N, C-alpha and C. Protein backbone atom coordinates (compact mmCIF):
# COMPACT_ATOMS: atom_id res chain seq x y z
N MET A 1 -25.96 -11.95 -10.32
CA MET A 1 -25.97 -10.53 -9.96
C MET A 1 -24.98 -9.78 -10.83
N SER A 2 -25.40 -8.64 -11.36
CA SER A 2 -24.54 -7.86 -12.24
C SER A 2 -23.41 -7.21 -11.45
N VAL A 3 -22.32 -6.85 -12.17
CA VAL A 3 -21.21 -6.15 -11.54
C VAL A 3 -21.69 -4.83 -10.96
N ARG A 4 -22.56 -4.12 -11.71
CA ARG A 4 -23.08 -2.84 -11.23
C ARG A 4 -23.83 -3.03 -9.92
N LYS A 5 -24.67 -4.07 -9.83
CA LYS A 5 -25.43 -4.33 -8.62
C LYS A 5 -24.50 -4.60 -7.45
N LYS A 6 -23.43 -5.37 -7.69
CA LYS A 6 -22.48 -5.68 -6.63
C LYS A 6 -21.85 -4.40 -6.07
N TYR A 7 -21.48 -3.48 -6.96
CA TYR A 7 -20.83 -2.26 -6.50
C TYR A 7 -21.82 -1.27 -5.90
N ASP A 8 -23.09 -1.36 -6.29
CA ASP A 8 -24.12 -0.52 -5.67
C ASP A 8 -24.29 -0.88 -4.19
N GLU A 9 -23.96 -2.10 -3.84
CA GLU A 9 -24.11 -2.56 -2.46
C GLU A 9 -22.88 -2.29 -1.62
N ARG A 10 -21.88 -1.65 -2.21
CA ARG A 10 -20.63 -1.41 -1.50
C ARG A 10 -20.44 0.07 -1.19
N CYS A 11 -19.68 0.33 -0.14
CA CYS A 11 -19.31 1.70 0.19
C CYS A 11 -18.45 2.25 -0.95
N THR A 12 -18.72 3.47 -1.36
CA THR A 12 -17.97 4.04 -2.48
C THR A 12 -16.55 4.43 -2.09
N ARG A 13 -16.25 4.50 -0.80
CA ARG A 13 -14.90 4.86 -0.37
C ARG A 13 -14.04 3.63 -0.09
N CYS A 14 -14.45 2.78 0.82
CA CYS A 14 -13.62 1.61 1.18
C CYS A 14 -13.92 0.39 0.33
N LEU A 15 -15.03 0.42 -0.44
CA LEU A 15 -15.45 -0.66 -1.34
C LEU A 15 -15.90 -1.92 -0.60
N MET A 16 -15.99 -1.85 0.72
CA MET A 16 -16.53 -2.97 1.48
C MET A 16 -18.05 -2.97 1.35
N LYS A 17 -18.68 -4.12 1.60
CA LYS A 17 -20.13 -4.16 1.66
C LYS A 17 -20.60 -3.18 2.74
N GLN A 18 -21.77 -2.61 2.52
CA GLN A 18 -22.23 -1.54 3.40
C GLN A 18 -22.23 -1.95 4.87
N ASP A 19 -22.62 -3.17 5.16
CA ASP A 19 -22.69 -3.60 6.57
C ASP A 19 -21.31 -3.91 7.14
N LEU A 20 -20.28 -3.91 6.31
CA LEU A 20 -18.91 -4.16 6.77
C LEU A 20 -18.02 -2.94 6.62
N CYS A 21 -18.60 -1.80 6.25
CA CYS A 21 -17.84 -0.58 5.98
C CYS A 21 -16.86 -0.26 7.10
N ILE A 22 -15.62 0.08 6.72
CA ILE A 22 -14.58 0.39 7.71
C ILE A 22 -14.18 1.86 7.69
N CYS A 23 -14.94 2.69 7.01
CA CYS A 23 -14.55 4.10 6.88
C CYS A 23 -14.39 4.78 8.23
N ALA A 24 -15.22 4.43 9.18
CA ALA A 24 -15.13 5.05 10.50
C ALA A 24 -13.83 4.69 11.21
N GLU A 25 -13.18 3.63 10.77
CA GLU A 25 -11.93 3.18 11.40
C GLU A 25 -10.69 3.73 10.71
N ILE A 26 -10.86 4.43 9.59
CA ILE A 26 -9.70 4.92 8.85
C ILE A 26 -9.17 6.20 9.49
N PRO A 27 -7.94 6.19 9.99
CA PRO A 27 -7.38 7.39 10.61
C PRO A 27 -6.94 8.38 9.55
N LYS A 28 -6.68 9.61 9.97
CA LYS A 28 -6.08 10.61 9.10
C LYS A 28 -4.68 10.88 9.63
N ILE A 29 -3.67 10.47 8.87
CA ILE A 29 -2.29 10.52 9.32
C ILE A 29 -1.52 11.51 8.46
N SER A 30 -0.96 12.52 9.07
CA SER A 30 -0.19 13.55 8.35
C SER A 30 1.29 13.35 8.63
N LEU A 31 2.08 13.15 7.57
CA LEU A 31 3.50 12.86 7.71
C LEU A 31 4.32 13.69 6.73
N ALA A 32 5.61 13.82 7.01
CA ALA A 32 6.51 14.47 6.05
C ALA A 32 6.78 13.57 4.85
N THR A 33 6.91 12.27 5.10
CA THR A 33 7.14 11.31 4.01
C THR A 33 5.93 11.24 3.10
N LYS A 34 6.16 11.25 1.79
CA LYS A 34 5.07 11.08 0.82
C LYS A 34 5.09 9.67 0.27
N ILE A 35 3.95 9.03 0.29
CA ILE A 35 3.80 7.69 -0.27
C ILE A 35 3.08 7.80 -1.61
N ILE A 36 3.67 7.19 -2.64
CA ILE A 36 3.02 7.11 -3.95
C ILE A 36 2.82 5.63 -4.28
N VAL A 37 1.58 5.23 -4.38
CA VAL A 37 1.26 3.84 -4.71
C VAL A 37 0.96 3.74 -6.20
N LEU A 38 1.65 2.83 -6.87
CA LEU A 38 1.39 2.54 -8.28
C LEU A 38 0.61 1.24 -8.37
N THR A 39 -0.61 1.33 -8.87
CA THR A 39 -1.44 0.13 -8.95
C THR A 39 -1.97 -0.02 -10.37
N SER A 40 -2.74 -1.06 -10.61
CA SER A 40 -3.28 -1.32 -11.94
C SER A 40 -4.77 -0.98 -11.98
N LYS A 41 -5.26 -0.76 -13.17
CA LYS A 41 -6.67 -0.43 -13.35
C LYS A 41 -7.56 -1.53 -12.79
N ARG A 42 -7.14 -2.74 -12.93
CA ARG A 42 -7.92 -3.88 -12.43
C ARG A 42 -7.88 -3.95 -10.91
N GLU A 43 -6.72 -3.73 -10.35
CA GLU A 43 -6.53 -3.88 -8.91
C GLU A 43 -7.23 -2.79 -8.11
N ILE A 44 -7.37 -1.59 -8.66
CA ILE A 44 -7.91 -0.46 -7.91
C ILE A 44 -9.35 -0.71 -7.47
N LEU A 45 -10.07 -1.57 -8.17
CA LEU A 45 -11.47 -1.83 -7.84
C LEU A 45 -11.68 -3.04 -6.95
N VAL A 46 -10.60 -3.70 -6.56
CA VAL A 46 -10.71 -4.88 -5.71
C VAL A 46 -10.91 -4.44 -4.26
N PRO A 47 -11.99 -4.86 -3.61
CA PRO A 47 -12.25 -4.41 -2.24
C PRO A 47 -11.13 -4.71 -1.25
N THR A 48 -10.40 -5.79 -1.49
CA THR A 48 -9.33 -6.16 -0.56
C THR A 48 -7.98 -5.55 -0.93
N ASN A 49 -7.98 -4.58 -1.85
CA ASN A 49 -6.73 -3.89 -2.20
C ASN A 49 -6.29 -3.01 -1.04
N THR A 50 -5.13 -3.27 -0.49
CA THR A 50 -4.70 -2.53 0.70
C THR A 50 -3.85 -1.30 0.38
N GLY A 51 -3.36 -1.20 -0.86
CA GLY A 51 -2.64 0.01 -1.24
C GLY A 51 -3.57 1.21 -1.24
N ARG A 52 -4.76 1.02 -1.80
CA ARG A 52 -5.75 2.09 -1.80
C ARG A 52 -6.15 2.45 -0.37
N LEU A 53 -6.31 1.44 0.47
CA LEU A 53 -6.69 1.67 1.86
C LEU A 53 -5.63 2.49 2.60
N ALA A 54 -4.37 2.19 2.36
CA ALA A 54 -3.29 2.96 2.99
C ALA A 54 -3.36 4.43 2.59
N CYS A 55 -3.63 4.67 1.32
CA CYS A 55 -3.71 6.06 0.83
C CYS A 55 -4.91 6.80 1.41
N GLU A 56 -5.97 6.09 1.73
CA GLU A 56 -7.11 6.74 2.38
C GLU A 56 -6.70 7.27 3.76
N ALA A 57 -5.77 6.59 4.40
CA ALA A 57 -5.35 7.00 5.74
C ALA A 57 -4.24 8.04 5.72
N LEU A 58 -3.42 8.04 4.69
CA LEU A 58 -2.24 8.90 4.64
C LEU A 58 -2.54 10.16 3.84
N GLU A 59 -2.56 11.31 4.52
CA GLU A 59 -2.91 12.56 3.85
C GLU A 59 -1.88 12.92 2.78
N ASN A 60 -0.62 12.69 3.05
CA ASN A 60 0.44 13.02 2.10
C ASN A 60 0.74 11.79 1.24
N SER A 61 -0.22 11.43 0.40
CA SER A 61 -0.06 10.23 -0.43
C SER A 61 -0.79 10.43 -1.74
N ALA A 62 -0.48 9.55 -2.70
CA ALA A 62 -1.16 9.56 -4.00
C ALA A 62 -1.23 8.13 -4.49
N ILE A 63 -2.31 7.81 -5.17
CA ILE A 63 -2.41 6.50 -5.80
C ILE A 63 -2.58 6.72 -7.29
N LEU A 64 -1.67 6.16 -8.08
CA LEU A 64 -1.65 6.34 -9.53
C LEU A 64 -1.97 5.01 -10.20
N VAL A 65 -2.87 5.06 -11.17
CA VAL A 65 -3.38 3.84 -11.79
C VAL A 65 -2.77 3.64 -13.17
N ARG A 66 -2.00 2.57 -13.31
CA ARG A 66 -1.42 2.23 -14.60
C ARG A 66 -2.47 1.57 -15.48
N GLY A 67 -2.43 1.86 -16.78
CA GLY A 67 -3.33 1.21 -17.71
C GLY A 67 -4.67 1.91 -17.88
N ASP A 68 -4.87 3.02 -17.18
CA ASP A 68 -6.12 3.77 -17.34
C ASP A 68 -5.87 4.91 -18.33
N GLN A 69 -6.26 4.70 -19.57
CA GLN A 69 -5.99 5.68 -20.62
C GLN A 69 -6.75 6.98 -20.42
N ASP A 70 -7.82 6.94 -19.62
CA ASP A 70 -8.59 8.15 -19.35
C ASP A 70 -7.91 9.04 -18.31
N LYS A 71 -6.98 8.47 -17.55
CA LYS A 71 -6.31 9.23 -16.50
C LYS A 71 -4.80 9.00 -16.56
N PRO A 72 -4.15 9.45 -17.63
CA PRO A 72 -2.69 9.29 -17.71
C PRO A 72 -2.01 10.14 -16.64
N TYR A 73 -0.82 9.73 -16.26
CA TYR A 73 -0.10 10.50 -15.23
C TYR A 73 1.38 10.54 -15.56
N ASP A 74 2.02 11.54 -15.01
CA ASP A 74 3.48 11.66 -15.06
C ASP A 74 3.97 11.53 -13.63
N LEU A 75 4.64 10.45 -13.34
CA LEU A 75 5.08 10.18 -11.98
C LEU A 75 5.89 11.33 -11.40
N ARG A 76 6.66 12.00 -12.24
CA ARG A 76 7.52 13.09 -11.76
C ARG A 76 6.73 14.24 -11.15
N GLU A 77 5.49 14.41 -11.59
CA GLU A 77 4.67 15.50 -11.07
C GLU A 77 4.24 15.29 -9.63
N HIS A 78 4.39 14.07 -9.13
CA HIS A 78 3.93 13.74 -7.78
C HIS A 78 5.07 13.63 -6.78
N ILE A 79 6.29 13.79 -7.25
CA ILE A 79 7.46 13.68 -6.37
C ILE A 79 7.64 14.98 -5.59
N LEU A 80 7.99 14.87 -4.32
CA LEU A 80 8.30 16.07 -3.54
C LEU A 80 9.46 16.82 -4.18
N THR A 81 9.44 18.13 -4.08
CA THR A 81 10.47 18.94 -4.73
C THR A 81 11.80 18.88 -3.99
N GLU A 82 11.79 18.43 -2.74
CA GLU A 82 13.02 18.31 -1.95
C GLU A 82 13.14 16.90 -1.39
N GLY A 83 14.35 16.58 -0.94
CA GLY A 83 14.55 15.31 -0.27
C GLY A 83 14.92 14.16 -1.19
N SER A 84 14.73 12.95 -0.69
CA SER A 84 15.13 11.72 -1.39
C SER A 84 13.94 11.03 -2.02
N VAL A 85 14.19 10.33 -3.12
CA VAL A 85 13.17 9.52 -3.79
C VAL A 85 13.63 8.07 -3.78
N LEU A 86 12.76 7.17 -3.34
CA LEU A 86 13.09 5.76 -3.24
C LEU A 86 11.93 4.95 -3.81
N VAL A 87 12.23 3.75 -4.29
CA VAL A 87 11.18 2.82 -4.69
C VAL A 87 11.31 1.56 -3.86
N LEU A 88 10.21 1.13 -3.29
CA LEU A 88 10.21 -0.07 -2.45
C LEU A 88 10.05 -1.29 -3.34
N TYR A 89 11.17 -1.97 -3.55
CA TYR A 89 11.15 -3.15 -4.42
C TYR A 89 12.30 -4.07 -4.02
N PRO A 90 12.00 -5.32 -3.67
CA PRO A 90 13.02 -6.21 -3.10
C PRO A 90 13.92 -6.87 -4.14
N SER A 91 14.62 -6.08 -4.93
CA SER A 91 15.56 -6.64 -5.90
C SER A 91 16.87 -6.99 -5.18
N PRO A 92 17.71 -7.80 -5.82
CA PRO A 92 18.99 -8.15 -5.17
C PRO A 92 19.86 -6.95 -4.85
N GLU A 93 19.75 -5.87 -5.65
CA GLU A 93 20.60 -4.70 -5.43
C GLU A 93 19.97 -3.67 -4.49
N ALA A 94 18.78 -3.95 -3.98
CA ALA A 94 18.10 -2.99 -3.11
C ALA A 94 18.82 -2.82 -1.78
N GLN A 95 18.83 -1.60 -1.28
CA GLN A 95 19.40 -1.28 0.02
C GLN A 95 18.36 -1.55 1.10
N VAL A 96 18.78 -2.13 2.20
CA VAL A 96 17.85 -2.40 3.30
C VAL A 96 17.44 -1.07 3.94
N LEU A 97 16.14 -0.87 4.07
CA LEU A 97 15.61 0.35 4.66
C LEU A 97 15.62 0.21 6.18
N ASP A 98 16.76 0.54 6.77
CA ASP A 98 16.89 0.46 8.22
C ASP A 98 17.33 1.82 8.77
N GLU A 99 17.47 1.92 10.06
CA GLU A 99 17.78 3.20 10.69
C GLU A 99 19.11 3.77 10.21
N GLU A 100 20.11 2.93 10.01
CA GLU A 100 21.41 3.42 9.56
C GLU A 100 21.33 4.01 8.16
N PHE A 101 20.60 3.34 7.28
CA PHE A 101 20.44 3.86 5.92
C PHE A 101 19.65 5.16 5.93
N VAL A 102 18.61 5.22 6.74
CA VAL A 102 17.77 6.42 6.78
C VAL A 102 18.58 7.64 7.21
N LYS A 103 19.58 7.45 8.05
CA LYS A 103 20.42 8.57 8.48
C LYS A 103 21.17 9.22 7.32
N THR A 104 21.35 8.49 6.24
CA THR A 104 22.10 9.02 5.09
C THR A 104 21.21 9.77 4.11
N LEU A 105 19.90 9.76 4.32
CA LEU A 105 18.97 10.31 3.35
C LEU A 105 18.70 11.78 3.59
N ALA A 106 18.55 12.52 2.50
CA ALA A 106 18.00 13.87 2.58
C ALA A 106 16.50 13.75 2.81
N ARG A 107 15.98 14.55 3.71
CA ARG A 107 14.56 14.46 4.02
C ARG A 107 13.82 15.69 3.54
N PRO A 108 12.52 15.62 3.31
CA PRO A 108 11.66 14.45 3.46
C PRO A 108 11.83 13.46 2.30
N CYS A 109 11.26 12.28 2.46
CA CYS A 109 11.38 11.24 1.46
C CYS A 109 10.08 11.07 0.67
N THR A 110 10.24 10.74 -0.59
CA THR A 110 9.13 10.24 -1.40
C THR A 110 9.38 8.75 -1.60
N LEU A 111 8.44 7.93 -1.15
CA LEU A 111 8.57 6.48 -1.28
C LEU A 111 7.54 5.98 -2.27
N ILE A 112 8.02 5.43 -3.38
CA ILE A 112 7.15 4.88 -4.42
C ILE A 112 6.95 3.40 -4.15
N VAL A 113 5.68 2.97 -4.12
CA VAL A 113 5.35 1.60 -3.74
C VAL A 113 4.54 0.94 -4.85
N PRO A 114 5.14 0.06 -5.65
CA PRO A 114 4.36 -0.70 -6.63
C PRO A 114 3.39 -1.63 -5.90
N ASP A 115 2.15 -1.68 -6.36
CA ASP A 115 1.10 -2.44 -5.70
C ASP A 115 0.58 -3.51 -6.64
N GLY A 116 0.69 -4.75 -6.23
CA GLY A 116 0.23 -5.86 -7.06
C GLY A 116 1.02 -7.11 -6.72
N ASN A 117 0.85 -8.15 -7.52
CA ASN A 117 1.64 -9.36 -7.27
C ASN A 117 3.05 -9.17 -7.81
N TRP A 118 3.91 -10.15 -7.60
CA TRP A 118 5.32 -10.00 -7.96
C TRP A 118 5.50 -9.75 -9.46
N ARG A 119 4.71 -10.43 -10.27
CA ARG A 119 4.81 -10.25 -11.73
C ARG A 119 4.39 -8.84 -12.12
N GLN A 120 3.29 -8.37 -11.56
CA GLN A 120 2.80 -7.04 -11.89
C GLN A 120 3.77 -5.94 -11.48
N THR A 121 4.31 -6.04 -10.27
CA THR A 121 5.20 -4.98 -9.77
C THR A 121 6.51 -4.96 -10.54
N SER A 122 6.96 -6.14 -10.99
CA SER A 122 8.18 -6.19 -11.79
C SER A 122 7.98 -5.45 -13.11
N LYS A 123 6.82 -5.62 -13.72
CA LYS A 123 6.52 -4.94 -14.97
C LYS A 123 6.46 -3.42 -14.77
N MET A 124 5.87 -2.99 -13.66
CA MET A 124 5.77 -1.55 -13.39
C MET A 124 7.15 -0.91 -13.35
N ARG A 125 8.07 -1.58 -12.71
CA ARG A 125 9.42 -1.05 -12.57
C ARG A 125 10.10 -0.92 -13.93
N ARG A 126 9.91 -1.92 -14.77
CA ARG A 126 10.59 -1.93 -16.07
C ARG A 126 9.97 -0.95 -17.06
N ARG A 127 8.67 -0.71 -16.94
CA ARG A 127 7.97 0.05 -17.97
C ARG A 127 7.89 1.55 -17.69
N ASP A 128 8.25 1.97 -16.50
CA ASP A 128 8.21 3.40 -16.21
C ASP A 128 9.64 3.93 -16.27
N PRO A 129 9.99 4.73 -17.27
CA PRO A 129 11.37 5.20 -17.43
C PRO A 129 11.89 5.94 -16.21
N PHE A 130 11.02 6.63 -15.49
CA PHE A 130 11.48 7.39 -14.33
C PHE A 130 12.04 6.47 -13.25
N LEU A 131 11.48 5.27 -13.14
CA LEU A 131 11.87 4.37 -12.05
C LEU A 131 13.23 3.71 -12.27
N VAL A 132 13.73 3.75 -13.48
CA VAL A 132 14.98 3.06 -13.81
C VAL A 132 16.13 3.52 -12.92
N ASN A 133 16.20 4.80 -12.67
CA ASN A 133 17.32 5.35 -11.91
C ASN A 133 16.98 5.70 -10.46
N VAL A 134 15.81 5.33 -10.00
CA VAL A 134 15.44 5.60 -8.61
C VAL A 134 16.02 4.51 -7.71
N PRO A 135 16.72 4.88 -6.64
CA PRO A 135 17.29 3.87 -5.74
C PRO A 135 16.21 2.95 -5.16
N GLN A 136 16.54 1.67 -5.11
CA GLN A 136 15.60 0.67 -4.61
C GLN A 136 15.91 0.34 -3.15
N VAL A 137 14.85 0.16 -2.38
CA VAL A 137 15.01 -0.24 -0.99
C VAL A 137 14.13 -1.46 -0.72
N THR A 138 14.54 -2.22 0.26
CA THR A 138 13.77 -3.38 0.69
C THR A 138 13.67 -3.35 2.20
N LEU A 139 12.69 -4.03 2.73
CA LEU A 139 12.46 -4.01 4.17
C LEU A 139 13.38 -4.99 4.90
N PRO A 140 13.74 -4.66 6.12
CA PRO A 140 14.48 -5.63 6.93
C PRO A 140 13.62 -6.88 7.16
N ALA A 141 14.25 -7.97 7.49
CA ALA A 141 13.51 -9.19 7.81
C ALA A 141 12.56 -8.91 8.96
N GLY A 142 11.37 -9.47 8.87
CA GLY A 142 10.38 -9.23 9.93
C GLY A 142 9.43 -10.40 10.05
N THR A 143 8.36 -10.20 10.79
CA THR A 143 7.38 -11.25 11.00
C THR A 143 6.59 -11.51 9.72
N ALA A 144 5.97 -12.67 9.67
CA ALA A 144 5.19 -13.05 8.49
C ALA A 144 3.95 -12.18 8.37
N THR A 145 3.42 -12.11 7.16
CA THR A 145 2.23 -11.32 6.90
C THR A 145 1.04 -11.78 7.75
N LYS A 146 0.19 -10.83 8.10
CA LYS A 146 -1.05 -11.14 8.80
C LYS A 146 -2.26 -10.92 7.90
N TYR A 147 -1.97 -10.82 6.61
CA TYR A 147 -3.01 -10.58 5.62
C TYR A 147 -3.47 -11.92 5.09
N GLY A 148 -4.65 -12.36 5.49
CA GLY A 148 -5.08 -13.71 5.15
C GLY A 148 -6.32 -13.79 4.31
N VAL A 149 -6.57 -12.79 3.46
CA VAL A 149 -7.83 -12.79 2.71
C VAL A 149 -7.65 -13.10 1.23
N ARG A 150 -6.40 -13.16 0.76
CA ARG A 150 -6.15 -13.51 -0.64
C ARG A 150 -5.10 -14.60 -0.68
N ASN A 151 -5.13 -15.38 -1.76
CA ASN A 151 -4.28 -16.58 -1.82
C ASN A 151 -3.08 -16.45 -2.73
N ASP A 152 -2.76 -15.21 -3.17
CA ASP A 152 -1.66 -15.04 -4.13
C ASP A 152 -0.39 -14.53 -3.47
N ASN A 153 -0.28 -14.70 -2.16
CA ASN A 153 0.90 -14.21 -1.46
C ASN A 153 2.11 -15.10 -1.70
N LYS A 154 3.22 -14.51 -2.06
CA LYS A 154 4.47 -15.23 -2.19
C LYS A 154 5.07 -15.41 -0.81
N GLU A 155 5.80 -16.49 -0.62
CA GLU A 155 6.44 -16.71 0.68
C GLU A 155 7.31 -15.51 1.04
N GLY A 156 7.11 -14.99 2.22
CA GLY A 156 7.86 -13.82 2.66
C GLY A 156 7.25 -12.51 2.21
N GLY A 157 6.19 -12.58 1.41
CA GLY A 157 5.56 -11.36 0.91
C GLY A 157 4.66 -10.71 1.94
N LEU A 158 4.34 -9.46 1.70
CA LEU A 158 3.48 -8.69 2.58
C LEU A 158 2.37 -8.04 1.76
N ALA A 159 1.26 -7.75 2.42
CA ALA A 159 0.25 -6.90 1.80
C ALA A 159 0.86 -5.51 1.64
N THR A 160 0.37 -4.77 0.66
CA THR A 160 0.93 -3.45 0.39
C THR A 160 0.85 -2.55 1.61
N ILE A 161 -0.26 -2.58 2.33
CA ILE A 161 -0.38 -1.72 3.51
C ILE A 161 0.61 -2.13 4.60
N GLU A 162 0.91 -3.43 4.69
CA GLU A 162 1.92 -3.87 5.66
C GLU A 162 3.29 -3.36 5.27
N ALA A 163 3.62 -3.43 3.98
CA ALA A 163 4.92 -2.94 3.52
C ALA A 163 5.05 -1.44 3.75
N ILE A 164 3.98 -0.70 3.49
CA ILE A 164 4.00 0.74 3.74
C ILE A 164 4.13 1.02 5.23
N ALA A 165 3.39 0.29 6.04
CA ALA A 165 3.44 0.48 7.49
C ALA A 165 4.85 0.25 8.03
N ARG A 166 5.48 -0.82 7.59
CA ARG A 166 6.83 -1.12 8.10
C ARG A 166 7.85 -0.10 7.58
N SER A 167 7.66 0.35 6.35
CA SER A 167 8.56 1.38 5.82
C SER A 167 8.44 2.67 6.63
N LEU A 168 7.20 3.07 6.91
CA LEU A 168 6.99 4.29 7.68
C LEU A 168 7.40 4.11 9.14
N GLY A 169 7.39 2.88 9.61
CA GLY A 169 7.89 2.62 10.95
C GLY A 169 9.36 2.99 11.08
N VAL A 170 10.10 2.80 9.99
CA VAL A 170 11.52 3.18 9.96
C VAL A 170 11.68 4.67 9.68
N LEU A 171 10.91 5.18 8.73
CA LEU A 171 11.07 6.57 8.30
C LEU A 171 10.43 7.58 9.25
N GLU A 172 9.33 7.18 9.90
CA GLU A 172 8.56 8.14 10.69
C GLU A 172 8.35 7.72 12.15
N GLY A 173 8.57 6.46 12.47
CA GLY A 173 8.39 6.03 13.84
C GLY A 173 7.32 4.96 13.99
N PRO A 174 7.30 4.27 15.13
CA PRO A 174 6.43 3.10 15.31
C PRO A 174 4.94 3.42 15.41
N ASP A 175 4.58 4.64 15.81
CA ASP A 175 3.16 4.94 16.00
C ASP A 175 2.37 4.80 14.70
N VAL A 176 2.90 5.35 13.61
CA VAL A 176 2.18 5.27 12.33
C VAL A 176 2.13 3.82 11.85
N GLN A 177 3.16 3.05 12.09
CA GLN A 177 3.13 1.63 11.72
C GLN A 177 1.99 0.92 12.44
N ARG A 178 1.86 1.18 13.73
CA ARG A 178 0.80 0.53 14.49
C ARG A 178 -0.59 0.94 13.99
N GLU A 179 -0.76 2.20 13.62
CA GLU A 179 -2.06 2.67 13.14
C GLU A 179 -2.46 1.97 11.85
N LEU A 180 -1.52 1.86 10.92
CA LEU A 180 -1.83 1.22 9.64
C LEU A 180 -2.05 -0.28 9.81
N GLU A 181 -1.28 -0.91 10.66
CA GLU A 181 -1.47 -2.34 10.89
C GLU A 181 -2.80 -2.61 11.58
N ALA A 182 -3.20 -1.71 12.47
CA ALA A 182 -4.51 -1.86 13.13
C ALA A 182 -5.64 -1.72 12.12
N LEU A 183 -5.48 -0.78 11.18
CA LEU A 183 -6.49 -0.60 10.14
C LEU A 183 -6.61 -1.85 9.28
N MET A 184 -5.48 -2.44 8.90
CA MET A 184 -5.53 -3.66 8.12
C MET A 184 -6.21 -4.78 8.89
N ALA A 185 -5.95 -4.86 10.20
CA ALA A 185 -6.56 -5.91 11.01
C ALA A 185 -8.08 -5.79 11.01
N VAL A 186 -8.58 -4.55 11.04
CA VAL A 186 -10.03 -4.34 10.97
C VAL A 186 -10.58 -4.85 9.65
N MET A 187 -9.92 -4.47 8.55
CA MET A 187 -10.38 -4.89 7.24
C MET A 187 -10.35 -6.41 7.10
N VAL A 188 -9.24 -7.01 7.48
CA VAL A 188 -9.10 -8.47 7.37
C VAL A 188 -10.17 -9.16 8.22
N GLY A 189 -10.37 -8.68 9.44
CA GLY A 189 -11.35 -9.30 10.32
C GLY A 189 -12.74 -9.27 9.74
N ARG A 190 -13.12 -8.15 9.16
CA ARG A 190 -14.48 -8.05 8.63
C ARG A 190 -14.66 -8.84 7.34
N VAL A 191 -13.62 -8.90 6.53
CA VAL A 191 -13.71 -9.72 5.32
C VAL A 191 -13.86 -11.19 5.69
N LEU A 192 -13.06 -11.66 6.63
CA LEU A 192 -13.13 -13.06 7.04
C LEU A 192 -14.47 -13.36 7.70
N LYS A 193 -14.97 -12.41 8.46
CA LYS A 193 -16.28 -12.59 9.08
C LYS A 193 -17.36 -12.76 8.02
N SER A 194 -17.26 -11.96 6.95
CA SER A 194 -18.25 -12.04 5.87
C SER A 194 -18.19 -13.38 5.15
N ARG A 195 -17.03 -14.03 5.25
CA ARG A 195 -16.86 -15.35 4.60
C ARG A 195 -17.20 -16.49 5.54
N GLY A 196 -17.65 -16.16 6.74
CA GLY A 196 -18.04 -17.19 7.68
C GLY A 196 -16.91 -17.78 8.49
N VAL A 197 -15.75 -17.13 8.45
CA VAL A 197 -14.61 -17.62 9.23
C VAL A 197 -14.80 -17.19 10.67
N LYS A 198 -14.78 -18.13 11.58
CA LYS A 198 -14.98 -17.84 12.98
C LYS A 198 -13.63 -17.54 13.65
N LEU A 199 -13.50 -16.33 14.13
CA LEU A 199 -12.30 -15.92 14.86
C LEU A 199 -12.69 -15.59 16.29
N ASN A 200 -11.74 -15.73 17.18
CA ASN A 200 -12.02 -15.47 18.59
C ASN A 200 -12.36 -14.01 18.84
N SER A 201 -11.71 -13.11 18.06
CA SER A 201 -11.93 -11.68 18.26
C SER A 201 -11.87 -10.96 16.93
N LEU A 202 -12.97 -10.38 16.53
CA LEU A 202 -13.02 -9.62 15.31
C LEU A 202 -13.25 -8.16 15.62
N PRO A 203 -12.53 -7.24 14.94
CA PRO A 203 -12.76 -5.83 15.18
C PRO A 203 -14.19 -5.45 14.83
């Protein structure tokens, strides 16, 4: 089957197969915090990419594609004009994004989230001059990932939508975290169902 044929059978928004489409489950969430997801040209077309899915739900968000020469971007043009700018990246010097740290921030926040595996996100940080001086934050220790549809997860790693959800749980409150995690659960359930994985309860 050709690549074109495969994509003709998928929803143009969520990229899931038509019979597994999750668009009806995607909430519309309006927040003061702006999320900017940096992804790769290759990753943006992957149906199980959760960074794109998070941006579909978050009205105040942007997804920028690195490596797409037809759509160059300047990251600075997407930053809020007021408040704090942070990049979510678990480097040794990153500040833990917890309630005490959030109290020190000017609001609203722009949170930049590199999307990809550890090697890809490390390159994004190094290659974008704007990111060099942006303060880095990392998430507090938490439960293990519930994203079970891809095999490239590093120990302790999270899907991009999980990382965004937990970040917004600190910045905006638990309700938005629950909404995004519920959305991911729907996607994961339907993907696993399509692969013949039998679960006790699928959304």
